[in-house]
Amino acid sequence: MFAVPAPAARDLIAYAGLAPAARFGRAVCSLAAVRYADGDLGAYHEFAVAFLVRDPVDGGIGAFIHWLPVNQSFTLEAGRSIWGFPKEMADIPLDLAGRVKRCAVRFGGRTALELAVRPGAPLPTRSAAPSIVAFSHLDGVTRRIPWTVSPTGVRMRPGGATLRLGDHRVADELRALGLDGARALSTSTVTRMTMSFAGAEEVR
C-alpha cells in the first residue's frame, strides 16, 4: 500500500465516478500479486492496482480495481463478463519460494513493472471473514461487488516493498503518482486466503 497525492488519484479514477478515500491530501494505492490455486475460475496468476474509495451507496470504504492483468484466458473472460473487472492478458511470473516474494507483469517480453516484498511479523488470524466492497469499471459501467475474504498466515510490516516501473501505460500512471522509488506505507503477505464474490450491481 502506497500513499499518493489525492488530486492525482482523483483525476486518474474519475472515469469511474468514484472518489478516493483521502485524508490530509493523500490517497491509498494498493498493489497486489495473487496466485490462485483452486477455484471456479481455475488456477492462474493475477496482479491488481487498486485504490481505496468512498462507497457511494453507504459512505463506507471500498476498493476500486483500476487494473487487473491475469495470465489465463478463462478467468479473463469470466472476470470481464460477470463482474466487469478490467482484466487483460499478461505474463505474470511469481517467485514465492524465497524470503523475498517477487512478481513481474510483462507484455510481449516488455516489463510493465516488477514488485518485491519482504514479509514482516505475523499477525493474529481473525475468526470471522471480513466483508469488503470491490468496485469495477468496464465499457462505461461502474459496478459494486460485495466480497468476503478469509486469510491465514498473514505477515505485515511498514515499508518492505521495492517497485520498479517499466514500459506500459499503467507504469506511466504509477510513475505520475510518484511511485517510482517511493516507500510503501506497509506490505502484507498471506500464506492462504479464500475469497467469495457476490453478483455485481451497477452503480452507474
Protein backbone atom coordinates (compact mmCIF):
# COMPACT_ATOMS: atom_id res chain seq x y z
CA MET A 1 0.00 0.00 0.00
CA PHE A 2 1.33 3.41 -1.03
CA ALA A 3 0.26 6.93 -0.09
CA VAL A 4 -0.24 9.02 -3.23
CA PRO A 5 -1.39 12.61 -3.85
CA ALA A 6 -5.18 12.67 -3.57
CA PRO A 7 -5.75 15.08 -6.51
CA ALA A 8 -3.71 12.85 -8.84
CA ALA A 9 -5.59 9.74 -7.70
CA ARG A 10 -8.92 11.52 -8.10
CA ASP A 11 -8.07 12.56 -11.66
CA LEU A 12 -6.88 9.05 -12.56
CA ILE A 13 -10.06 7.26 -11.46
CA ALA A 14 -12.54 10.00 -12.35
CA TYR A 15 -13.74 7.89 -15.30
CA ALA A 16 -15.45 5.52 -12.83
CA GLY A 17 -17.37 8.26 -10.99
CA LEU A 18 -15.72 7.32 -7.69
CA ALA A 19 -13.74 9.46 -5.24
CA PRO A 20 -10.64 8.28 -3.40
CA ALA A 21 -10.89 7.94 0.37
CA ALA A 22 -8.41 10.75 1.04
CA ARG A 23 -7.01 12.13 4.27
CA PHE A 24 -4.58 15.01 4.71
CA GLY A 25 -4.33 15.29 0.94
CA ARG A 26 -3.23 11.67 0.45
CA ALA A 27 -5.00 8.66 -1.02
CA VAL A 28 -4.06 4.97 -0.88
CA CYS A 29 -2.98 2.95 -3.90
CA SER A 30 -2.64 -0.79 -3.34
CA LEU A 31 -0.65 -3.23 -5.47
CA ALA A 32 -1.28 -6.96 -5.11
CA ALA A 33 0.05 -10.15 -6.67
CA VAL A 34 -2.03 -13.30 -6.22
CA ARG A 35 -1.56 -16.96 -7.11
CA TYR A 36 -4.95 -18.66 -7.33
CA ALA A 37 -4.51 -22.38 -6.75
CA ASP A 38 -8.12 -23.62 -6.81
CA GLY A 39 -11.46 -22.06 -7.58
CA ASP A 40 -14.34 -21.67 -10.02
CA LEU A 41 -12.10 -19.78 -12.46
CA GLY A 42 -9.24 -22.29 -12.34
CA ALA A 43 -5.59 -21.79 -11.42
CA TYR A 44 -3.96 -18.55 -12.55
CA HIS A 45 -1.81 -15.57 -11.59
CA GLU A 46 -3.16 -12.06 -11.17
CA PHE A 47 -1.84 -8.58 -10.43
CA ALA A 48 -4.02 -5.72 -9.19
CA VAL A 49 -3.74 -1.96 -9.00
CA ALA A 50 -6.49 -0.68 -6.69
CA PHE A 51 -7.46 2.47 -4.82
CA LEU A 52 -9.36 2.90 -1.57
CA VAL A 53 -12.53 4.83 -2.44
CA ARG A 54 -15.70 6.12 -0.82
CA ASP A 55 -18.65 3.80 -1.34
CA PRO A 56 -21.38 5.95 -2.96
CA VAL A 57 -24.04 3.58 -1.59
CA ASP A 58 -23.34 3.71 2.16
CA GLY A 59 -20.40 6.12 2.54
CA GLY A 60 -18.02 3.40 3.70
CA ILE A 61 -14.65 2.41 2.27
CA GLY A 62 -14.29 0.16 -0.75
CA ALA A 63 -11.57 -0.95 -3.15
CA PHE A 64 -11.73 0.22 -6.76
CA ILE A 65 -9.92 -2.18 -9.10
CA HIS A 66 -8.24 0.06 -11.67
CA TRP A 67 -6.17 -2.60 -13.48
CA LEU A 68 -6.22 -6.40 -13.27
CA PRO A 69 -3.94 -8.36 -15.61
CA VAL A 70 -4.20 -12.17 -15.49
CA ASN A 71 -2.35 -14.98 -17.24
CA GLN A 72 -5.23 -17.31 -18.24
CA SER A 73 -8.00 -16.74 -20.79
CA PHE A 74 -10.94 -18.28 -18.89
CA THR A 75 -10.59 -16.04 -15.85
CA LEU A 76 -10.13 -13.06 -18.17
CA GLU A 77 -13.44 -13.67 -19.95
CA ALA A 78 -15.33 -14.59 -16.76
CA GLY A 79 -13.98 -11.64 -14.79
CA ARG A 80 -14.92 -9.18 -17.51
CA SER A 81 -18.36 -10.60 -18.31
CA ILE A 82 -19.58 -11.45 -14.77
CA TRP A 83 -18.10 -8.66 -12.62
CA GLY A 84 -16.81 -6.10 -15.10
CA PHE A 85 -13.24 -6.36 -13.85
CA PRO A 86 -10.70 -4.68 -16.19
CA LYS A 87 -8.76 -7.86 -16.89
CA GLU A 88 -6.23 -8.18 -19.68
CA MET A 89 -3.84 -10.96 -20.63
CA ALA A 90 -0.22 -10.74 -19.46
CA ASP A 91 2.75 -12.84 -18.47
CA ILE A 92 2.88 -12.75 -14.63
CA PRO A 93 5.82 -14.73 -13.24
CA LEU A 94 5.70 -15.21 -9.47
CA ASP A 95 8.56 -16.32 -7.22
CA LEU A 96 7.12 -17.02 -3.77
CA ALA A 97 9.60 -19.65 -2.59
CA GLY A 98 12.29 -17.37 -1.19
CA ARG A 99 12.29 -15.00 1.74
CA VAL A 100 11.63 -12.10 -0.64
CA LYS A 101 8.45 -12.56 -2.67
CA ARG A 102 8.75 -11.37 -6.28
CA CYS A 103 6.33 -10.64 -9.09
CA ALA A 104 6.53 -9.11 -12.55
CA VAL A 105 3.97 -8.14 -15.20
CA ARG A 106 5.13 -8.42 -18.80
CA PHE A 107 3.55 -7.96 -22.22
CA GLY A 108 5.30 -9.50 -25.22
CA GLY A 109 8.58 -9.59 -23.33
CA ARG A 110 8.30 -5.94 -22.25
CA THR A 111 8.28 -5.41 -18.49
CA ALA A 112 5.47 -3.22 -17.17
CA LEU A 113 6.57 -3.50 -13.55
CA GLU A 114 8.42 -5.62 -11.02
CA LEU A 115 7.50 -5.85 -7.35
CA ALA A 116 9.49 -7.38 -4.49
CA VAL A 117 8.05 -7.74 -0.98
CA ARG A 118 9.87 -8.59 2.23
CA PRO A 119 7.48 -10.26 4.73
CA GLY A 120 7.08 -8.80 8.19
CA ALA A 121 5.85 -10.02 11.55
CA PRO A 122 2.97 -12.50 11.88
CA LEU A 123 -0.47 -11.14 12.76
CA PRO A 124 -3.23 -12.94 14.69
CA THR A 125 -5.74 -14.74 12.49
CA ARG A 126 -9.29 -13.41 12.63
CA SER A 127 -12.04 -15.90 13.29
CA ALA A 128 -14.61 -14.16 11.07
CA ALA A 129 -14.18 -13.44 7.37
CA PRO A 130 -14.18 -9.68 6.81
CA SER A 131 -16.59 -8.26 4.25
CA ILE A 132 -15.25 -5.82 1.67
CA VAL A 133 -16.84 -3.99 -1.24
CA ALA A 134 -14.99 -4.00 -4.55
CA PHE A 135 -15.73 -1.69 -7.46
CA SER A 136 -15.04 -2.29 -11.13
CA HIS A 137 -15.50 -0.28 -14.30
CA LEU A 138 -15.77 -1.63 -17.82
CA ASP A 139 -17.43 -0.37 -21.02
CA GLY A 140 -18.72 2.77 -19.32
CA VAL A 141 -20.37 0.95 -16.41
CA THR A 142 -19.24 1.06 -12.76
CA ARG A 143 -20.19 -1.95 -10.68
CA ARG A 144 -20.30 -2.67 -6.95
CA ILE A 145 -19.34 -6.20 -5.85
CA PRO A 146 -19.68 -7.48 -2.25
CA TRP A 147 -16.60 -9.55 -1.42
CA THR A 148 -15.58 -11.67 1.57
CA VAL A 149 -12.04 -12.83 2.33
CA SER A 150 -10.66 -15.24 4.91
CA PRO A 151 -6.85 -15.02 5.23
CA THR A 152 -4.43 -17.14 7.24
CA GLY A 153 -0.69 -16.83 7.68
CA VAL A 154 -0.71 -13.04 7.46
CA ARG A 155 2.51 -11.09 7.93
CA MET A 156 2.73 -7.30 7.84
CA ARG A 157 5.37 -4.60 8.16
CA PRO A 158 5.89 -0.92 7.44
CA GLY A 159 7.68 -0.31 4.16
CA GLY A 160 9.09 -3.55 2.80
CA ALA A 161 8.32 -3.16 -0.90
CA THR A 162 10.55 -2.40 -3.88
CA LEU A 163 8.72 -1.35 -7.05
CA ARG A 164 10.39 -0.96 -10.44
CA LEU A 165 8.33 0.58 -13.24
CA GLY A 166 8.86 -0.27 -16.87
CA ASP A 167 7.26 0.44 -20.24
CA HIS A 168 3.47 0.39 -20.12
CA ARG A 169 0.52 2.76 -19.83
CA VAL A 170 -0.19 1.75 -16.22
CA ALA A 171 3.51 2.03 -15.34
CA ASP A 172 3.35 5.61 -16.58
CA GLU A 173 0.25 6.21 -14.44
CA LEU A 174 2.00 4.87 -11.34
CA ARG A 175 5.06 6.95 -12.17
CA ALA A 176 2.84 10.05 -12.35
CA LEU A 177 1.53 9.18 -8.86
CA GLY A 178 5.11 9.30 -7.55
CA LEU A 179 5.54 5.55 -7.04
CA ASP A 180 8.84 5.22 -8.88
CA GLY A 181 11.21 4.66 -5.94
CA ALA A 182 8.54 5.52 -3.34
CA ARG A 183 8.48 3.92 0.11
CA ALA A 184 5.39 1.82 0.82
CA LEU A 185 3.14 2.60 3.75
CA SER A 186 3.03 -1.12 4.52
CA THR A 187 3.32 -4.53 2.93
CA SER A 188 1.46 -7.73 3.68
CA THR A 189 1.89 -11.36 2.70
CA VAL A 190 -0.76 -14.05 3.08
CA THR A 191 0.02 -17.77 3.01
CA ARG A 192 -3.53 -18.85 2.21
CA MET A 193 -6.75 -16.97 1.50
CA THR A 194 -10.24 -18.00 0.50
CA MET A 195 -12.50 -15.49 -1.26
CA SER A 196 -16.08 -15.23 -2.38
CA PHE A 197 -17.52 -12.63 -4.78
CA ALA A 198 -21.24 -11.90 -4.91
CA GLY A 199 -23.04 -10.67 -8.00
CA ALA A 200 -22.20 -7.25 -9.41
CA GLU A 201 -24.62 -4.35 -9.01
CA GLU A 202 -24.46 -1.42 -11.42
CA VAL A 203 -23.65 1.89 -9.76
CA ARG A 204 -23.99 3.95 -12.92
